[in-house]
Amino acid sequence: MEYRELFAAIDARPFRPFKVEIVSGRQIDVTHPDNIMVLPSRQRVHHIEVYQTEPWDMAIIWPEGLAALLFPAEGPAAGPADFGT
């Protein structure tokens, strides 16, 4: 996966929640742009941190572990659980 896809999802206005899928198959919700950090910077990615508040959790993702970004289905019936796989 290319970083520019991740950066575009983080910077999207209005922000659309998405999931980060890692190579193990785990999917991690990104519900707000403030809940994901690329460290130490976008020019030199060492790792990515994703925070969740309900329940509180944090995931540290190494760049080689990124597999895909998943976005909810578009349309009037789309809800929080309508993420594609």
N, C-alpha and C. Protein backbone atom coordinates (compact mmCIF):
# COMPACT_ATOMS: atom_id res chain seq x y z
N MET A 1 0.83 -1.17 0.00
CA MET A 1 0.00 0.00 0.00
C MET A 1 0.88 1.24 0.00
N GLU A 2 0.47 2.26 -0.72
CA GLU A 2 1.25 3.50 -0.80
C GLU A 2 0.82 4.50 0.27
N TYR A 3 1.78 5.20 0.82
CA TYR A 3 1.48 6.17 1.87
C TYR A 3 0.53 7.26 1.39
N ARG A 4 0.62 7.64 0.12
CA ARG A 4 -0.21 8.76 -0.34
C ARG A 4 -1.69 8.43 -0.20
N GLU A 5 -2.07 7.15 -0.31
CA GLU A 5 -3.47 6.76 -0.09
C GLU A 5 -3.86 7.00 1.36
N LEU A 6 -2.99 6.64 2.27
CA LEU A 6 -3.25 6.85 3.69
C LEU A 6 -3.32 8.34 4.01
N PHE A 7 -2.36 9.11 3.50
CA PHE A 7 -2.35 10.55 3.76
C PHE A 7 -3.60 11.22 3.20
N ALA A 8 -4.05 10.81 2.01
CA ALA A 8 -5.26 11.38 1.41
C ALA A 8 -6.48 11.07 2.28
N ALA A 9 -6.55 9.87 2.83
CA ALA A 9 -7.68 9.50 3.70
C ALA A 9 -7.66 10.33 4.99
N ILE A 10 -6.48 10.55 5.54
CA ILE A 10 -6.36 11.34 6.77
C ILE A 10 -6.73 12.80 6.50
N ASP A 11 -6.32 13.33 5.35
CA ASP A 11 -6.52 14.75 5.03
C ASP A 11 -7.87 15.06 4.41
N ALA A 12 -8.67 14.06 4.06
CA ALA A 12 -9.94 14.29 3.37
C ALA A 12 -10.85 15.23 4.16
N ARG A 13 -11.45 16.16 3.46
CA ARG A 13 -12.41 17.09 4.05
C ARG A 13 -13.65 17.08 3.20
N PRO A 14 -14.81 16.70 3.73
CA PRO A 14 -14.98 16.25 5.10
C PRO A 14 -14.33 14.89 5.31
N PHE A 15 -13.93 14.65 6.53
CA PHE A 15 -13.28 13.39 6.86
C PHE A 15 -14.29 12.26 6.80
N ARG A 16 -13.89 11.14 6.21
CA ARG A 16 -14.71 9.92 6.16
C ARG A 16 -14.01 8.85 6.99
N PRO A 17 -14.67 8.33 8.03
CA PRO A 17 -14.05 7.26 8.80
C PRO A 17 -13.66 6.10 7.88
N PHE A 18 -12.59 5.42 8.25
CA PHE A 18 -12.12 4.30 7.45
C PHE A 18 -11.47 3.28 8.38
N LYS A 19 -11.13 2.15 7.82
CA LYS A 19 -10.41 1.12 8.56
C LYS A 19 -9.06 0.90 7.90
N VAL A 20 -8.07 0.65 8.71
CA VAL A 20 -6.76 0.24 8.23
C VAL A 20 -6.71 -1.27 8.41
N GLU A 21 -6.42 -1.98 7.33
CA GLU A 21 -6.27 -3.42 7.44
C GLU A 21 -4.78 -3.73 7.42
N ILE A 22 -4.35 -4.58 8.35
CA ILE A 22 -2.95 -4.96 8.39
C ILE A 22 -2.81 -6.38 7.84
N VAL A 23 -1.59 -6.79 7.56
CA VAL A 23 -1.35 -8.06 6.87
C VAL A 23 -1.89 -9.27 7.62
N SER A 24 -2.09 -9.18 8.91
CA SER A 24 -2.65 -10.31 9.67
C SER A 24 -4.15 -10.45 9.45
N GLY A 25 -4.76 -9.44 8.81
CA GLY A 25 -6.20 -9.45 8.59
C GLY A 25 -6.96 -8.58 9.59
N ARG A 26 -6.30 -8.15 10.66
CA ARG A 26 -6.96 -7.28 11.64
C ARG A 26 -7.32 -5.95 10.99
N GLN A 27 -8.50 -5.45 11.34
CA GLN A 27 -8.96 -4.16 10.84
C GLN A 27 -9.10 -3.19 12.01
N ILE A 28 -8.53 -2.01 11.84
CA ILE A 28 -8.49 -1.02 12.91
C ILE A 28 -9.25 0.22 12.46
N ASP A 29 -10.27 0.62 13.23
CA ASP A 29 -11.10 1.78 12.90
C ASP A 29 -10.34 3.07 13.10
N VAL A 30 -10.46 3.97 12.13
CA VAL A 30 -9.97 5.35 12.26
C VAL A 30 -11.21 6.23 12.17
N THR A 31 -11.68 6.71 13.32
CA THR A 31 -12.95 7.43 13.37
C THR A 31 -12.81 8.95 13.31
N HIS A 32 -11.58 9.44 13.44
CA HIS A 32 -11.34 10.89 13.41
C HIS A 32 -9.88 11.10 12.99
N PRO A 33 -9.61 12.16 12.23
CA PRO A 33 -8.22 12.37 11.79
C PRO A 33 -7.24 12.59 12.95
N ASP A 34 -7.73 13.05 14.08
CA ASP A 34 -6.85 13.24 15.24
C ASP A 34 -6.48 11.92 15.90
N ASN A 35 -7.13 10.82 15.49
CA ASN A 35 -6.88 9.53 16.12
C ASN A 35 -5.81 8.71 15.41
N ILE A 36 -5.16 9.28 14.41
CA ILE A 36 -4.09 8.56 13.71
C ILE A 36 -2.88 9.47 13.58
N MET A 37 -1.73 8.93 13.89
CA MET A 37 -0.49 9.71 13.81
C MET A 37 0.56 8.93 13.03
N VAL A 38 1.26 9.64 12.17
CA VAL A 38 2.38 9.06 11.40
C VAL A 38 3.65 9.62 12.04
N LEU A 39 4.49 8.74 12.56
CA LEU A 39 5.66 9.19 13.31
C LEU A 39 6.96 8.68 12.69
N PRO A 40 8.04 9.44 12.71
CA PRO A 40 8.11 10.79 13.25
C PRO A 40 7.53 11.85 12.32
N SER A 41 7.40 11.54 11.02
CA SER A 41 6.84 12.51 10.08
C SER A 41 6.38 11.78 8.82
N ARG A 42 5.67 12.49 7.97
CA ARG A 42 5.23 11.90 6.70
C ARG A 42 6.40 11.69 5.74
N GLN A 43 7.45 12.43 5.91
CA GLN A 43 8.62 12.28 5.04
C GLN A 43 9.46 11.07 5.42
N ARG A 44 9.38 10.66 6.68
CA ARG A 44 10.17 9.52 7.16
C ARG A 44 9.31 8.69 8.10
N VAL A 45 8.51 7.81 7.54
CA VAL A 45 7.56 7.03 8.34
C VAL A 45 8.29 5.89 9.06
N HIS A 46 8.24 5.92 10.37
CA HIS A 46 8.79 4.83 11.18
C HIS A 46 7.66 3.89 11.58
N HIS A 47 6.56 4.48 12.11
CA HIS A 47 5.39 3.69 12.46
C HIS A 47 4.15 4.58 12.48
N ILE A 48 2.99 3.94 12.57
CA ILE A 48 1.71 4.64 12.57
C ILE A 48 0.99 4.23 13.85
N GLU A 49 0.44 5.22 14.55
CA GLU A 49 -0.32 4.94 15.76
C GLU A 49 -1.78 5.30 15.52
N VAL A 50 -2.68 4.40 15.91
CA VAL A 50 -4.11 4.63 15.80
C VAL A 50 -4.70 4.50 17.20
N TYR A 51 -5.44 5.53 17.63
CA TYR A 51 -6.05 5.56 18.95
C TYR A 51 -7.55 5.41 18.82
N GLN A 52 -8.15 4.69 19.75
CA GLN A 52 -9.60 4.57 19.84
C GLN A 52 -9.99 4.90 21.26
N THR A 53 -11.14 5.56 21.43
CA THR A 53 -11.53 6.00 22.77
C THR A 53 -12.61 5.15 23.41
N GLU A 54 -13.42 4.45 22.64
CA GLU A 54 -14.52 3.65 23.19
C GLU A 54 -14.48 2.25 22.63
N PRO A 55 -13.98 1.25 23.25
CA PRO A 55 -13.15 1.31 24.46
C PRO A 55 -11.76 1.82 24.11
N TRP A 56 -11.04 2.33 25.10
CA TRP A 56 -9.73 2.90 24.84
C TRP A 56 -8.80 1.80 24.35
N ASP A 57 -8.11 2.12 23.27
CA ASP A 57 -7.17 1.16 22.69
C ASP A 57 -6.18 1.93 21.84
N MET A 58 -5.03 1.34 21.60
CA MET A 58 -4.04 1.93 20.71
C MET A 58 -3.38 0.81 19.92
N ALA A 59 -3.17 1.08 18.64
CA ALA A 59 -2.47 0.11 17.79
C ALA A 59 -1.25 0.79 17.21
N ILE A 60 -0.14 0.09 17.21
CA ILE A 60 1.08 0.55 16.54
C ILE A 60 1.27 -0.32 15.31
N ILE A 61 1.37 0.33 14.17
CA ILE A 61 1.47 -0.39 12.90
C ILE A 61 2.80 -0.05 12.25
N TRP A 62 3.56 -1.06 11.90
CA TRP A 62 4.80 -0.84 11.16
C TRP A 62 4.43 -0.71 9.69
N PRO A 63 5.12 0.12 8.94
CA PRO A 63 4.77 0.37 7.54
C PRO A 63 4.61 -0.89 6.70
N GLU A 64 5.47 -1.88 6.90
CA GLU A 64 5.36 -3.10 6.09
C GLU A 64 4.14 -3.93 6.46
N GLY A 65 3.47 -3.57 7.55
CA GLY A 65 2.28 -4.28 7.97
C GLY A 65 0.99 -3.76 7.36
N LEU A 66 1.04 -2.60 6.68
CA LEU A 66 -0.16 -2.04 6.06
C LEU A 66 -0.58 -2.88 4.86
N ALA A 67 -1.86 -3.24 4.81
CA ALA A 67 -2.36 -4.03 3.69
C ALA A 67 -3.35 -3.24 2.85
N ALA A 68 -4.31 -2.54 3.49
CA ALA A 68 -5.36 -1.87 2.72
C ALA A 68 -6.07 -0.84 3.58
N LEU A 69 -6.76 0.08 2.91
CA LEU A 69 -7.70 1.00 3.55
C LEU A 69 -9.09 0.58 3.12
N LEU A 70 -10.01 0.53 4.07
CA LEU A 70 -11.38 0.16 3.78
C LEU A 70 -12.30 1.31 4.15
N PHE A 71 -13.23 1.64 3.25
CA PHE A 71 -14.16 2.74 3.47
C PHE A 71 -15.58 2.19 3.52
N PRO A 72 -16.46 2.87 4.28
CA PRO A 72 -17.84 2.40 4.34
C PRO A 72 -18.50 2.53 2.96
N ALA A 73 -19.53 1.72 2.75
CA ALA A 73 -20.29 1.78 1.50
C ALA A 73 -20.95 3.15 1.39
N GLU A 74 -21.04 3.66 0.18
CA GLU A 74 -21.69 4.94 -0.08
C GLU A 74 -23.19 4.71 -0.21
N GLY A 75 -23.97 5.73 0.03
CA GLY A 75 -25.41 5.64 -0.21
C GLY A 75 -26.21 5.95 1.02
N PRO A 76 -27.53 6.12 0.85
CA PRO A 76 -28.39 6.55 1.96
C PRO A 76 -28.51 5.52 3.07
N ALA A 77 -28.34 4.24 2.77
CA ALA A 77 -28.49 3.21 3.79
C ALA A 77 -27.17 2.89 4.49
N ALA A 78 -26.09 3.53 4.08
CA ALA A 78 -24.79 3.22 4.66
C ALA A 78 -24.73 3.68 6.12
N GLY A 79 -24.22 2.83 6.97
CA GLY A 79 -24.06 3.16 8.38
C GLY A 79 -22.67 2.77 8.83
N PRO A 80 -22.39 2.94 10.12
CA PRO A 80 -21.04 2.66 10.63
C PRO A 80 -20.57 1.23 10.38
N ALA A 81 -21.49 0.27 10.28
CA ALA A 81 -21.08 -1.12 10.10
C ALA A 81 -20.98 -1.52 8.63
N ASP A 82 -21.17 -0.59 7.72
CA ASP A 82 -21.20 -0.90 6.29
C ASP A 82 -19.85 -0.80 5.62
N PHE A 83 -18.79 -1.23 6.28
CA PHE A 83 -17.46 -1.19 5.70
C PHE A 83 -17.29 -2.34 4.74
N GLY A 84 -16.68 -2.06 3.58
CA GLY A 84 -16.40 -3.12 2.62
C GLY A 84 -15.24 -3.98 3.09
N THR A 85 -15.17 -5.18 2.59
CA THR A 85 -14.03 -6.04 2.94
C THR A 85 -13.32 -6.48 1.72
